[in-house]
């Protein structure tokens, strides 16, 4: 099935070069693929897998290993944000 995968800020460097400028890419994944199964192969540091929404709805860390994606979903990841 096809989803949209997005990595923002410094995590964009984990995407293939051709998709880094837009921080987004279409991705074919197995039916029932979980968030962890999709994010893991791209290699972002686990501490940077912070704000993870699916279709704009935040998924808590405890749910990410079991939360399955559906066709057409958009999975994003934003690193922790610091400000002052």
N, C-alpha and C. Protein backbone atom coordinates (compact mmCIF):
# COMPACT_ATOMS: atom_id res chain seq x y z
N UNK A 1 0.84 -1.17 0.00
CA UNK A 1 0.00 0.00 0.00
C UNK A 1 0.89 1.24 0.00
N UNK A 2 0.35 2.34 -0.42
CA UNK A 2 1.12 3.57 -0.53
C UNK A 2 0.73 4.54 0.59
N UNK A 3 1.77 5.13 1.22
CA UNK A 3 1.58 6.18 2.21
C UNK A 3 2.47 7.36 1.81
N UNK A 4 2.35 8.46 2.53
CA UNK A 4 3.27 9.58 2.40
C UNK A 4 4.09 9.63 3.67
N UNK A 5 5.40 9.71 3.52
CA UNK A 5 6.31 9.73 4.65
C UNK A 5 7.04 11.06 4.66
N UNK A 6 7.02 11.73 5.83
CA UNK A 6 7.63 13.05 5.96
C UNK A 6 8.59 13.08 7.14
N UNK A 7 9.75 13.66 6.92
CA UNK A 7 10.72 13.89 7.99
C UNK A 7 11.10 15.36 7.94
N UNK A 8 10.91 16.05 9.05
CA UNK A 8 11.14 17.49 9.08
C UNK A 8 12.45 17.86 9.77
N UNK A 9 12.88 19.09 9.53
CA UNK A 9 14.08 19.69 10.13
C UNK A 9 15.29 18.80 9.86
N UNK A 10 16.13 18.58 10.85
CA UNK A 10 17.36 17.82 10.65
C UNK A 10 17.10 16.38 10.24
N UNK A 11 15.91 15.84 10.53
CA UNK A 11 15.60 14.46 10.16
C UNK A 11 15.46 14.29 8.66
N UNK A 12 15.23 15.38 7.94
CA UNK A 12 15.12 15.31 6.48
C UNK A 12 16.35 14.68 5.84
N UNK A 13 17.50 14.77 6.50
CA UNK A 13 18.73 14.18 5.98
C UNK A 13 18.64 12.65 5.91
N UNK A 14 17.68 12.05 6.60
CA UNK A 14 17.51 10.59 6.57
C UNK A 14 16.74 10.12 5.33
N UNK A 15 16.12 11.06 4.62
CA UNK A 15 15.40 10.71 3.39
C UNK A 15 16.38 10.55 2.24
N UNK A 16 16.00 9.81 1.20
CA UNK A 16 16.83 9.75 0.01
C UNK A 16 17.05 11.16 -0.55
N UNK A 17 18.21 11.40 -1.11
CA UNK A 17 18.59 12.73 -1.60
C UNK A 17 17.51 13.39 -2.45
N UNK A 18 16.88 12.65 -3.32
CA UNK A 18 15.89 13.21 -4.23
C UNK A 18 14.66 13.78 -3.52
N UNK A 19 14.44 13.42 -2.27
CA UNK A 19 13.23 13.85 -1.55
C UNK A 19 13.54 14.82 -0.41
N UNK A 20 14.79 15.12 -0.18
CA UNK A 20 15.16 15.96 0.97
C UNK A 20 14.64 17.38 0.87
N UNK A 21 14.62 17.95 -0.31
CA UNK A 21 14.20 19.36 -0.41
C UNK A 21 12.73 19.54 -0.03
N UNK A 22 11.92 18.54 -0.25
CA UNK A 22 10.50 18.64 0.10
C UNK A 22 10.14 17.98 1.41
N UNK A 23 11.12 17.29 2.03
CA UNK A 23 10.91 16.59 3.30
C UNK A 23 9.80 15.56 3.24
N UNK A 24 9.48 15.08 2.05
CA UNK A 24 8.34 14.18 1.90
C UNK A 24 8.59 13.24 0.73
N UNK A 25 8.05 12.04 0.86
CA UNK A 25 8.14 11.10 -0.24
C UNK A 25 6.99 10.10 -0.20
N UNK A 26 6.53 9.65 -1.37
CA UNK A 26 5.58 8.54 -1.39
C UNK A 26 6.36 7.27 -1.04
N UNK A 27 5.69 6.36 -0.36
CA UNK A 27 6.39 5.15 0.08
C UNK A 27 5.44 3.97 0.02
N UNK A 28 5.91 2.88 -0.58
CA UNK A 28 5.17 1.63 -0.59
C UNK A 28 5.56 0.84 0.65
N UNK A 29 4.58 0.44 1.43
CA UNK A 29 4.81 -0.35 2.64
C UNK A 29 3.88 -1.54 2.64
N UNK A 30 4.22 -2.55 3.41
CA UNK A 30 3.38 -3.74 3.53
C UNK A 30 2.07 -3.41 4.23
N UNK A 31 1.02 -4.08 3.86
CA UNK A 31 -0.25 -3.92 4.58
C UNK A 31 -0.01 -4.21 6.05
N UNK A 32 -0.53 -3.36 6.92
CA UNK A 32 -0.37 -3.56 8.35
C UNK A 32 0.95 -3.10 8.92
N UNK A 33 1.78 -2.43 8.10
CA UNK A 33 3.07 -1.93 8.60
C UNK A 33 2.83 -0.96 9.75
N UNK A 34 3.67 -1.07 10.78
CA UNK A 34 3.54 -0.18 11.93
C UNK A 34 4.42 1.04 11.75
N UNK A 35 4.18 2.05 12.58
CA UNK A 35 4.99 3.27 12.52
C UNK A 35 6.46 2.93 12.71
N UNK A 36 6.76 2.12 13.70
CA UNK A 36 8.15 1.76 13.98
C UNK A 36 8.79 1.04 12.79
N UNK A 37 8.04 0.17 12.12
CA UNK A 37 8.58 -0.55 10.97
C UNK A 37 8.88 0.38 9.80
N UNK A 38 8.13 1.43 9.66
CA UNK A 38 8.36 2.37 8.56
C UNK A 38 9.49 3.34 8.90
N UNK A 39 9.48 3.89 10.10
CA UNK A 39 10.48 4.89 10.48
C UNK A 39 11.87 4.27 10.63
N UNK A 40 11.96 3.12 11.27
CA UNK A 40 13.24 2.50 11.62
C UNK A 40 14.26 2.40 10.50
N UNK A 41 13.91 1.87 9.33
CA UNK A 41 14.89 1.71 8.27
C UNK A 41 15.53 3.01 7.77
N UNK A 42 14.88 4.13 8.02
CA UNK A 42 15.44 5.41 7.58
C UNK A 42 16.53 5.90 8.52
N UNK A 43 16.64 5.30 9.69
CA UNK A 43 17.75 5.55 10.59
C UNK A 43 17.76 6.81 11.42
N UNK A 44 16.62 7.44 11.68
CA UNK A 44 16.69 8.61 12.56
C UNK A 44 17.05 8.17 13.98
N UNK A 45 17.86 8.95 14.69
CA UNK A 45 18.16 8.59 16.08
C UNK A 45 16.87 8.48 16.89
N UNK A 46 16.75 7.44 17.68
CA UNK A 46 15.50 7.19 18.43
C UNK A 46 15.10 8.39 19.28
N UNK A 47 16.06 9.09 19.85
CA UNK A 47 15.76 10.27 20.67
C UNK A 47 15.17 11.41 19.84
N UNK A 48 15.38 11.36 18.53
CA UNK A 48 14.85 12.40 17.65
C UNK A 48 13.47 12.06 17.10
N UNK A 49 13.02 10.83 17.31
CA UNK A 49 11.67 10.42 16.89
C UNK A 49 10.74 10.90 18.00
N UNK A 50 10.35 12.16 17.89
CA UNK A 50 9.69 12.84 19.01
C UNK A 50 8.20 13.08 18.74
N UNK A 51 7.90 13.95 17.83
CA UNK A 51 6.51 14.30 17.53
C UNK A 51 6.12 13.54 16.27
N UNK A 52 5.29 12.52 16.43
CA UNK A 52 4.94 11.62 15.33
C UNK A 52 3.42 11.64 15.12
N UNK A 53 2.95 12.43 14.16
CA UNK A 53 1.53 12.40 13.83
C UNK A 53 1.24 11.50 12.62
N UNK A 54 0.07 10.90 12.61
CA UNK A 54 -0.45 10.19 11.45
C UNK A 54 -1.71 10.95 11.05
N UNK A 55 -1.71 11.44 9.84
CA UNK A 55 -2.84 12.24 9.34
C UNK A 55 -3.15 13.41 10.27
N UNK A 56 -2.09 13.97 10.87
CA UNK A 56 -2.23 15.14 11.74
C UNK A 56 -2.58 14.83 13.17
N UNK A 57 -2.72 13.56 13.54
CA UNK A 57 -3.07 13.18 14.91
C UNK A 57 -1.87 12.55 15.60
N UNK A 58 -1.44 13.15 16.71
CA UNK A 58 -0.26 12.70 17.45
C UNK A 58 -0.43 11.26 17.92
N UNK A 59 0.64 10.48 17.75
CA UNK A 59 0.66 9.10 18.23
C UNK A 59 1.69 9.02 19.35
N UNK A 60 1.26 8.63 20.53
CA UNK A 60 2.13 8.55 21.70
C UNK A 60 3.20 7.48 21.50
N UNK A 61 4.38 7.67 22.10
CA UNK A 61 5.46 6.68 21.95
C UNK A 61 5.05 5.25 22.28
N UNK A 62 4.23 5.05 23.29
CA UNK A 62 3.82 3.70 23.68
C UNK A 62 2.98 3.00 22.62
N UNK A 63 2.40 3.76 21.69
CA UNK A 63 1.52 3.20 20.66
C UNK A 63 2.23 2.94 19.34
N UNK A 64 3.43 3.46 19.17
CA UNK A 64 4.07 3.45 17.85
C UNK A 64 4.51 2.09 17.36
N UNK A 65 4.85 1.18 18.27
CA UNK A 65 5.28 -0.15 17.84
C UNK A 65 4.12 -0.99 17.33
N UNK A 66 2.91 -0.68 17.75
CA UNK A 66 1.75 -1.49 17.36
C UNK A 66 0.80 -0.77 16.41
N UNK A 67 0.91 0.55 16.27
CA UNK A 67 -0.03 1.33 15.45
C UNK A 67 0.21 1.04 13.98
N UNK A 68 -0.76 0.40 13.33
CA UNK A 68 -0.65 0.06 11.91
C UNK A 68 -1.12 1.23 11.05
N UNK A 69 -0.50 1.36 9.91
CA UNK A 69 -0.87 2.39 8.95
C UNK A 69 -1.87 1.83 7.95
N UNK A 70 -2.62 2.73 7.33
CA UNK A 70 -3.55 2.36 6.29
C UNK A 70 -3.18 3.03 4.98
N UNK A 71 -3.71 2.51 3.89
CA UNK A 71 -3.43 3.10 2.58
C UNK A 71 -3.82 4.58 2.58
N UNK A 72 -2.95 5.40 2.04
CA UNK A 72 -3.21 6.83 1.94
C UNK A 72 -2.83 7.64 3.16
N UNK A 73 -2.41 6.98 4.25
CA UNK A 73 -2.02 7.72 5.45
C UNK A 73 -0.78 8.58 5.20
N UNK A 74 -0.67 9.62 5.99
CA UNK A 74 0.54 10.45 6.00
C UNK A 74 1.18 10.31 7.36
N UNK A 75 2.40 9.81 7.37
CA UNK A 75 3.19 9.62 8.58
C UNK A 75 4.29 10.67 8.58
N UNK A 76 4.36 11.45 9.64
CA UNK A 76 5.37 12.50 9.74
C UNK A 76 6.18 12.31 11.01
N UNK A 77 7.32 12.98 11.06
CA UNK A 77 8.15 12.96 12.25
C UNK A 77 8.87 14.29 12.37
N UNK A 78 8.74 14.89 13.54
CA UNK A 78 9.43 16.13 13.82
C UNK A 78 10.31 15.92 15.05
N UNK A 79 11.54 16.41 15.00
CA UNK A 79 12.43 16.26 16.17
C UNK A 79 11.98 17.18 17.29
N UNK A 80 12.54 17.00 18.48
CA UNK A 80 12.22 17.91 19.60
C UNK A 80 12.58 19.34 19.20
N UNK A 81 11.80 20.27 19.69
CA UNK A 81 12.01 21.68 19.38
C UNK A 81 12.46 22.39 20.65
N UNK A 82 13.50 23.18 20.52
CA UNK A 82 13.98 23.98 21.65
C UNK A 82 13.84 25.44 21.27
N UNK A 83 13.59 26.23 22.24
CA UNK A 83 13.47 27.67 21.97
C UNK A 83 13.87 28.47 23.20
N UNK A 84 13.83 29.73 23.03
CA UNK A 84 14.23 30.52 24.17
C UNK A 84 13.67 31.89 24.15
